[in-house]
Amino acid sequence: MPFEKIHIEQFLGFSNDHILIDVRSPSEYKHAHIPGAYNLPLFTDEERKVVGTAYKQESREAAIKIALDYFGPKMRKMVEEISTLATLRQESPEPLFIYCWRGGMRSAAVAWLMDLYGFKVYTLIGGYKKFRHFVLDTFKQHYDLKVLGGFTGSGKTALIKELEKRGETVIDLEGIAKHKGSAFGNIEMQEQPGQEMFENLLAQELRIKEAMANEKAVRGNSEPSIWIEDESQRIGLVNLPNDLWDTMRRSRIYFLKIPFEVRLKQIVDEYGCFDRKKLVEAIGRIKDRLGGLNAKNATQYLMDGNISESFRILLKYYDKHYLKALHNRKEVHSLLYEVDCDSVTIENADNLVSAYQYHSEDS
């Protein structure tokens, strides 16, 4: 065998620092892929359709002959493309990690070509389909989570980043989702990943951060736990996987208790400079949940330039919504630790760490 087939754990572990190649069609790759993979499609979308039709309606042999007609003229270009990529990454000609949908003919064909040229090549047993099973299994694992809670305007995202700077292990859900989790959450943000790609990115982050937390625990520096921001299950257009969501709902919550007026000033400072039209559109998207009168008043205040009063209506809505979700948790009183804070500042990270250390020692 000119190339080596390896299982998912080896494949992901070994490919971290090397060239990872997805040889599926452009539309398959665009829909979702293994994070960090480079798309080198063996077939275009139309070519894949033609080959698949021949396989189903004629025979395997007929499909292979058509595939060879497509593959032959592309061989040199594919070799040159990967050689250039390897040169830019300052890598030697080995190794390459290649996958397709099921770990079948597409990855085998490209692996054969790259091996012939001189690369050391590994392919993924079971292909991307196996990776997706791995992703979904990731969310079923147990994780020791410290959930950072607090009403809207508490500065939770900034605190997650500050905790990471201070050496804590964190997962930034909003960063992965490319959304800030409120009606205004997609304004001036990058396009969100699709649901499947979001899950792929999140699973990768969970595996990485769990390993980091365990390593710190072995060194005796901390407990093997991960800070994660409390979120609704839906973040913009994507949803947290049910299994991870359930784990979060059963985890300890460190709730930032910050006065309403302080939080109101925070969101006015954060969002008040955004385009007025986009803010009005955002209010329109939650009109049914906000209530017709509240939506009308919030919009009118905004158009009159009274941003503070507009956001006051929205903040009261989000406080009520969050409080209801908080107390829908089972055993919430035994899981909830309130952390009193007078202001919205990254220095609240000290209060969070102190609260965690206190309750850990107490338990």
Protein backbone atom coordinates (compact mmCIF):
# COMPACT_ATOMS: atom_id res chain seq x y z
CA MET A 1 0.00 0.00 0.00
CA PRO A 2 1.65 3.26 -1.11
CA PHE A 3 -0.14 5.27 1.59
CA GLU A 4 -1.26 4.51 5.11
CA LYS A 5 -4.86 4.43 6.33
CA ILE A 6 -5.29 5.56 9.94
CA HIS A 7 -8.16 5.94 12.39
CA ILE A 8 -9.77 9.22 13.42
CA GLU A 9 -7.89 9.81 16.70
CA GLN A 10 -4.51 9.33 15.02
CA PHE A 11 -5.56 11.29 11.98
CA LEU A 12 -6.64 14.36 13.95
CA GLY A 13 -3.71 14.17 16.34
CA PHE A 14 -1.05 13.80 13.65
CA SER A 15 -2.55 16.31 11.19
CA ASN A 16 -2.60 19.28 13.59
CA ASP A 17 0.73 20.68 12.42
CA HIS A 18 0.69 19.42 8.84
CA ILE A 19 -1.22 19.86 5.60
CA LEU A 20 -4.78 18.55 5.85
CA ILE A 21 -6.54 18.04 2.51
CA ASP A 22 -10.26 17.66 1.83
CA VAL A 23 -10.68 16.21 -1.68
CA ARG A 24 -14.49 16.41 -1.70
CA SER A 25 -16.30 18.74 -4.09
CA PRO A 26 -16.42 22.50 -3.43
CA SER A 27 -20.05 22.43 -2.25
CA GLU A 28 -19.37 19.57 0.19
CA TYR A 29 -16.41 21.48 1.61
CA LYS A 30 -18.33 24.74 1.82
CA HIS A 31 -21.15 23.07 3.73
CA ALA A 32 -18.75 21.83 6.42
CA HIS A 33 -15.30 20.29 6.76
CA ILE A 34 -12.65 19.32 9.28
CA PRO A 35 -11.35 22.62 10.72
CA GLY A 36 -8.08 23.65 9.14
CA ALA A 37 -8.54 21.53 6.00
CA TYR A 38 -7.52 22.81 2.57
CA ASN A 39 -9.92 22.01 -0.28
CA LEU A 40 -8.33 20.21 -3.23
CA PRO A 41 -11.42 18.80 -4.98
CA LEU A 42 -10.94 15.74 -7.14
CA PHE A 43 -14.21 16.59 -8.92
CA THR A 44 -16.25 19.73 -9.41
CA ASP A 45 -19.83 19.57 -8.17
CA GLU A 46 -21.08 18.76 -11.66
CA GLU A 47 -18.40 16.11 -12.27
CA ARG A 48 -19.24 14.43 -8.98
CA LYS A 49 -22.88 14.30 -10.02
CA VAL A 50 -22.00 12.71 -13.36
CA VAL A 51 -19.77 10.05 -11.75
CA GLY A 52 -22.38 9.27 -9.11
CA THR A 53 -25.11 8.89 -11.71
CA ALA A 54 -22.95 6.52 -13.76
CA TYR A 55 -22.22 4.44 -10.67
CA LYS A 56 -25.92 4.08 -9.82
CA GLN A 57 -27.35 3.69 -13.32
CA GLU A 58 -24.55 1.84 -15.13
CA SER A 59 -21.76 0.20 -13.14
CA ARG A 60 -18.80 0.79 -10.88
CA GLU A 61 -16.46 0.26 -13.83
CA ALA A 62 -18.26 2.88 -15.94
CA ALA A 63 -18.04 5.39 -13.10
CA ILE A 64 -14.31 4.77 -12.66
CA LYS A 65 -13.63 5.33 -16.38
CA ILE A 66 -15.46 8.67 -16.29
CA ALA A 67 -13.63 9.60 -13.09
CA LEU A 68 -10.29 8.88 -14.75
CA ASP A 69 -11.22 11.17 -17.64
CA TYR A 70 -11.72 13.97 -15.11
CA PHE A 71 -8.75 13.08 -12.91
CA GLY A 72 -6.07 12.69 -15.58
CA PRO A 73 -5.88 16.32 -16.80
CA LYS A 74 -5.86 17.60 -13.21
CA MET A 75 -2.94 15.54 -11.91
CA ARG A 76 -0.14 17.98 -12.62
CA LYS A 77 -2.08 20.98 -11.32
CA MET A 78 -2.94 19.14 -8.09
CA VAL A 79 0.69 18.20 -7.49
CA GLU A 80 1.84 21.75 -8.17
CA GLU A 81 -0.82 23.21 -5.90
CA ILE A 82 0.17 21.03 -2.93
CA SER A 83 3.89 21.54 -3.61
CA THR A 84 3.36 25.30 -3.53
CA LEU A 85 1.35 25.01 -0.32
CA ALA A 86 4.08 22.92 1.29
CA THR A 87 6.70 25.46 0.23
CA LEU A 88 4.70 28.36 1.67
CA ARG A 89 4.37 26.46 4.95
CA GLN A 90 8.10 25.67 4.81
CA GLU A 91 7.39 21.98 5.14
CA SER A 92 9.38 19.10 3.75
CA PRO A 93 7.50 16.86 1.28
CA GLU A 94 5.96 14.90 4.14
CA PRO A 95 3.44 14.21 5.45
CA LEU A 96 0.01 14.89 3.93
CA PHE A 97 -3.33 13.97 5.53
CA ILE A 98 -6.14 13.37 3.05
CA TYR A 99 -9.83 12.58 3.43
CA CYS A 100 -13.00 12.32 1.36
CA TRP A 101 -16.58 11.47 2.30
CA ARG A 102 -16.19 7.77 3.24
CA GLY A 103 -12.44 7.26 2.93
CA GLY A 104 -12.92 5.60 -0.46
CA MET A 105 -11.84 6.14 -4.04
CA ARG A 106 -11.49 9.92 -4.04
CA SER A 107 -9.00 10.10 -1.18
CA ALA A 108 -7.26 6.94 -2.44
CA ALA A 109 -6.77 8.43 -5.92
CA VAL A 110 -5.25 11.68 -4.65
CA ALA A 111 -3.19 9.83 -2.03
CA TRP A 112 -1.75 7.57 -4.75
CA LEU A 113 -0.79 10.61 -6.84
CA MET A 114 0.85 12.49 -3.97
CA ASP A 115 2.68 9.38 -2.82
CA LEU A 116 3.96 8.87 -6.38
CA TYR A 117 5.31 12.42 -6.34
CA GLY A 118 7.16 11.81 -3.08
CA PHE A 119 4.92 12.87 -0.21
CA LYS A 120 4.31 10.64 2.79
CA VAL A 121 0.51 10.29 2.78
CA TYR A 122 -2.09 9.24 5.34
CA THR A 123 -5.81 8.83 4.65
CA LEU A 124 -8.70 8.79 7.11
CA ILE A 125 -10.47 5.48 7.58
CA GLY A 126 -14.18 6.19 7.20
CA GLY A 127 -13.55 9.71 5.86
CA TYR A 128 -15.50 12.80 6.81
CA LYS A 129 -18.48 10.65 7.79
CA LYS A 130 -16.35 9.08 10.53
CA PHE A 131 -15.24 12.53 11.64
CA ARG A 132 -18.88 13.58 12.07
CA HIS A 133 -19.52 10.60 14.34
CA PHE A 134 -16.46 11.66 16.31
CA VAL A 135 -17.83 15.21 16.60
CA LEU A 136 -21.21 14.07 17.91
CA ASP A 137 -19.53 11.68 20.38
CA THR A 138 -17.46 14.61 21.65
CA PHE A 139 -20.56 16.38 22.94
CA LYS A 140 -21.64 13.28 24.86
CA GLN A 141 -18.50 13.27 27.00
CA HIS A 142 -18.43 14.57 30.57
CA TYR A 143 -16.84 17.99 31.02
CA ASP A 144 -16.15 19.82 34.26
CA LEU A 145 -17.56 23.24 33.34
CA LYS A 146 -17.62 26.51 35.24
CA VAL A 147 -20.46 28.48 33.66
CA LEU A 148 -20.09 32.25 33.64
CA GLY A 149 -23.57 33.70 34.05
CA GLY A 150 -25.03 37.17 34.28
CA PHE A 151 -27.67 39.39 32.75
CA THR A 152 -27.10 41.10 29.39
CA GLY A 153 -24.57 43.91 29.69
CA SER A 154 -22.46 42.17 32.35
CA GLY A 155 -19.40 41.99 30.07
CA LYS A 156 -19.23 38.19 30.11
CA THR A 157 -17.49 37.86 26.74
CA ALA A 158 -14.73 40.29 27.75
CA LEU A 159 -14.32 38.39 31.01
CA ILE A 160 -13.98 35.06 29.22
CA LYS A 161 -11.11 36.56 27.22
CA GLU A 162 -9.57 38.08 30.35
CA LEU A 163 -9.75 34.76 32.19
CA GLU A 164 -7.88 33.15 29.31
CA LYS A 165 -5.18 35.83 29.50
CA ARG A 166 -4.79 34.98 33.18
CA GLY A 167 -4.13 31.34 32.43
CA GLU A 168 -7.62 29.91 32.88
CA THR A 169 -8.94 27.35 30.41
CA VAL A 170 -11.91 28.84 28.54
CA ILE A 171 -14.23 28.25 25.59
CA ASP A 172 -15.56 31.34 23.81
CA LEU A 173 -18.92 30.15 22.44
CA GLU A 174 -19.79 33.52 20.91
CA GLY A 175 -16.41 33.68 19.21
CA ILE A 176 -16.93 30.25 17.64
CA ALA A 177 -20.52 31.09 16.65
CA LYS A 178 -19.52 34.55 15.33
CA HIS A 179 -22.49 36.05 17.16
CA LYS A 180 -22.91 37.98 20.42
CA GLY A 181 -26.08 36.16 21.42
CA SER A 182 -28.62 39.01 21.41
CA ALA A 183 -30.81 40.74 18.83
CA PHE A 184 -27.82 42.98 18.05
CA GLY A 185 -25.43 40.02 18.09
CA ASN A 186 -24.73 39.81 14.35
CA ILE A 187 -24.17 43.52 13.74
CA GLU A 188 -20.61 44.17 12.53
CA MET A 189 -19.73 40.50 12.98
CA GLN A 190 -18.43 38.00 10.43
CA GLU A 191 -20.86 35.64 8.73
CA GLN A 192 -21.87 32.81 11.04
CA PRO A 193 -20.81 29.25 10.22
CA GLY A 194 -23.54 26.79 9.32
CA GLN A 195 -24.81 24.44 12.02
CA GLU A 196 -22.62 21.51 11.01
CA MET A 197 -19.49 23.63 10.71
CA PHE A 198 -20.24 25.25 14.07
CA GLU A 199 -20.41 21.80 15.64
CA ASN A 200 -17.12 20.81 14.01
CA LEU A 201 -15.37 23.92 15.33
CA LEU A 202 -16.89 23.55 18.78
CA ALA A 203 -15.95 19.87 19.06
CA GLN A 204 -12.37 20.68 18.10
CA GLU A 205 -12.24 23.42 20.73
CA LEU A 206 -13.69 21.13 23.41
CA ARG A 207 -11.10 18.42 22.75
CA ILE A 208 -8.24 20.93 22.78
CA LYS A 209 -9.37 22.71 25.93
CA GLU A 210 -10.14 19.50 27.80
CA ALA A 211 -6.60 18.30 27.09
CA MET A 212 -5.23 21.65 28.30
CA ALA A 213 -7.29 21.50 31.50
CA ASN A 214 -6.17 17.95 32.23
CA GLU A 215 -2.54 18.88 31.62
CA LYS A 216 -2.79 21.77 34.08
CA ALA A 217 -4.39 19.50 36.65
CA VAL A 218 -1.55 16.98 36.32
CA ARG A 219 0.96 19.78 36.90
CA GLY A 220 -1.00 20.70 40.01
CA ASN A 221 -1.80 24.21 38.81
CA SER A 222 -5.60 23.98 38.76
CA GLU A 223 -8.68 21.82 38.68
CA PRO A 224 -9.42 20.12 35.33
CA SER A 225 -12.27 22.50 34.56
CA ILE A 226 -13.23 24.88 31.76
CA TRP A 227 -14.86 28.31 31.92
CA ILE A 228 -17.72 28.73 29.45
CA GLU A 229 -20.23 31.55 29.03
CA ASP A 230 -23.88 30.88 29.86
CA GLU A 231 -25.86 31.07 26.64
CA SER A 232 -29.29 30.35 25.29
CA GLN A 233 -29.23 27.11 23.33
CA ARG A 234 -29.63 29.19 20.18
CA ILE A 235 -26.84 31.63 19.31
CA GLY A 236 -27.97 33.58 16.29
CA LEU A 237 -28.56 31.01 13.55
CA VAL A 238 -26.83 28.06 15.24
CA ASN A 239 -27.76 25.84 18.17
CA LEU A 240 -25.64 24.36 20.92
CA PRO A 241 -25.74 20.55 20.63
CA ASN A 242 -28.27 19.01 23.02
CA ASP A 243 -25.73 16.89 24.88
CA LEU A 244 -23.40 19.82 25.60
CA TRP A 245 -26.36 22.04 26.46
CA ASP A 246 -27.51 19.47 29.03
CA THR A 247 -24.02 19.39 30.55
CA MET A 248 -24.01 23.17 30.82
CA ARG A 249 -27.41 23.14 32.52
CA ARG A 250 -26.09 20.73 35.15
CA SER A 251 -22.90 22.70 35.83
CA ARG A 252 -22.02 25.29 38.44
CA ILE A 253 -23.01 28.85 37.54
CA TYR A 254 -20.99 31.85 38.68
CA PHE A 255 -23.50 34.65 38.27
CA LEU A 256 -22.25 38.24 37.95
CA LYS A 257 -24.58 40.38 40.03
CA ILE A 258 -24.23 43.88 38.53
CA PRO A 259 -26.72 46.79 38.98
CA PHE A 260 -29.20 47.41 36.16
CA GLU A 261 -28.14 51.01 35.46
CA VAL A 262 -24.49 49.99 35.23
CA ARG A 263 -25.34 47.29 32.68
CA LEU A 264 -27.57 49.68 30.74
CA LYS A 265 -24.67 52.11 30.36
CA GLN A 266 -22.49 49.22 29.21
CA ILE A 267 -24.78 48.20 26.34
CA VAL A 268 -25.37 51.82 25.34
CA ASP A 269 -21.59 52.25 25.09
CA GLU A 270 -21.21 48.94 23.24
CA TYR A 271 -24.08 49.13 20.76
CA GLY A 272 -25.19 52.77 20.71
CA CYS A 273 -22.68 53.68 18.02
CA PHE A 274 -24.03 51.06 15.58
CA ASP A 275 -25.95 51.99 12.45
CA ARG A 276 -29.44 53.16 13.47
CA LYS A 277 -31.15 51.26 10.65
CA LYS A 278 -29.50 47.98 11.69
CA LEU A 279 -30.56 48.52 15.31
CA VAL A 280 -34.17 49.09 14.23
CA GLU A 281 -34.06 45.94 12.10
CA ALA A 282 -32.73 44.00 15.08
CA ILE A 283 -35.63 45.18 17.25
CA GLY A 284 -38.00 44.10 14.49
CA ARG A 285 -36.62 40.57 14.61
CA ILE A 286 -37.70 40.14 18.25
CA LYS A 287 -40.95 42.11 17.93
CA ASP A 288 -43.20 39.13 18.70
CA ARG A 289 -41.24 38.16 21.81
CA LEU A 290 -40.76 41.73 22.95
CA GLY A 291 -44.43 42.61 22.53
CA GLY A 292 -45.89 45.04 20.03
CA LEU A 293 -46.04 48.07 22.34
CA ASN A 294 -42.52 47.56 23.71
CA ALA A 295 -41.14 47.09 20.21
CA LYS A 296 -42.92 50.23 19.01
CA ASN A 297 -41.66 52.33 21.94
CA ALA A 298 -38.11 50.97 21.71
CA THR A 299 -38.04 51.78 18.00
CA GLN A 300 -39.47 55.27 18.50
CA TYR A 301 -36.97 56.10 21.25
CA LEU A 302 -34.20 54.92 18.95
CA MET A 303 -35.42 57.06 16.03
CA ASP A 304 -35.67 60.06 18.39
CA GLY A 305 -32.05 59.53 19.40
CA ASN A 306 -32.91 58.44 22.94
CA ILE A 307 -30.79 55.30 22.83
CA SER A 308 -30.70 54.81 26.59
CA GLU A 309 -34.50 54.58 26.94
CA SER A 310 -34.74 52.32 23.90
CA PHE A 311 -32.15 49.95 25.34
CA ARG A 312 -33.81 50.13 28.77
CA ILE A 313 -36.88 48.41 27.29
CA LEU A 314 -34.72 45.76 25.63
CA LEU A 315 -32.63 45.15 28.73
CA LYS A 316 -35.72 44.58 30.88
CA TYR A 317 -36.93 42.04 28.32
CA TYR A 318 -33.60 40.18 28.29
CA ASP A 319 -33.36 40.22 32.11
CA LYS A 320 -36.81 38.63 32.38
CA HIS A 321 -36.01 36.08 29.68
CA TYR A 322 -32.64 35.14 31.24
CA LEU A 323 -34.07 34.89 34.77
CA LYS A 324 -36.76 32.50 33.57
CA ALA A 325 -34.18 30.32 31.79
CA LEU A 326 -31.91 30.39 34.83
CA HIS A 327 -34.58 29.08 37.19
CA ASN A 328 -35.71 26.42 34.74
CA ARG A 329 -32.50 24.56 35.56
CA LYS A 330 -32.82 21.57 37.85
CA GLU A 331 -31.28 22.12 41.30
CA VAL A 332 -30.43 25.69 40.32
CA HIS A 333 -30.11 26.83 43.94
CA SER A 334 -27.34 24.33 44.66
CA LEU A 335 -25.53 25.23 41.43
CA LEU A 336 -25.84 29.04 41.55
CA TYR A 337 -23.09 31.16 43.10
CA GLU A 338 -23.68 34.91 42.99
CA VAL A 339 -20.65 37.16 42.51
CA ASP A 340 -21.31 40.76 43.57
CA CYS A 341 -19.73 43.36 41.27
CA ASP A 342 -20.16 47.13 41.28
CA SER A 343 -19.07 47.75 37.71
CA VAL A 344 -18.51 46.12 34.32
CA THR A 345 -14.76 45.64 34.18
CA ILE A 346 -12.24 42.94 33.37
CA GLU A 347 -11.13 43.15 37.00
CA ASN A 348 -14.26 41.15 37.80
CA ALA A 349 -12.12 38.19 36.72
CA ASP A 350 -10.48 38.39 40.15
CA ASN A 351 -13.89 38.10 41.81
CA LEU A 352 -14.78 35.09 39.67
CA VAL A 353 -11.56 33.20 40.42
CA SER A 354 -11.88 34.00 44.12
CA ALA A 355 -15.48 32.78 44.16
CA TYR A 356 -14.49 29.56 42.40
CA GLN A 357 -11.57 28.92 44.74
CA TYR A 358 -13.72 29.62 47.80
CA HIS A 359 -16.50 27.24 46.76
CA SER A 360 -14.01 24.57 45.69
CA GLU A 361 -12.36 24.62 49.11
CA ASP A 362 -15.74 24.71 50.83
CA SER A 363 -16.94 21.65 48.95
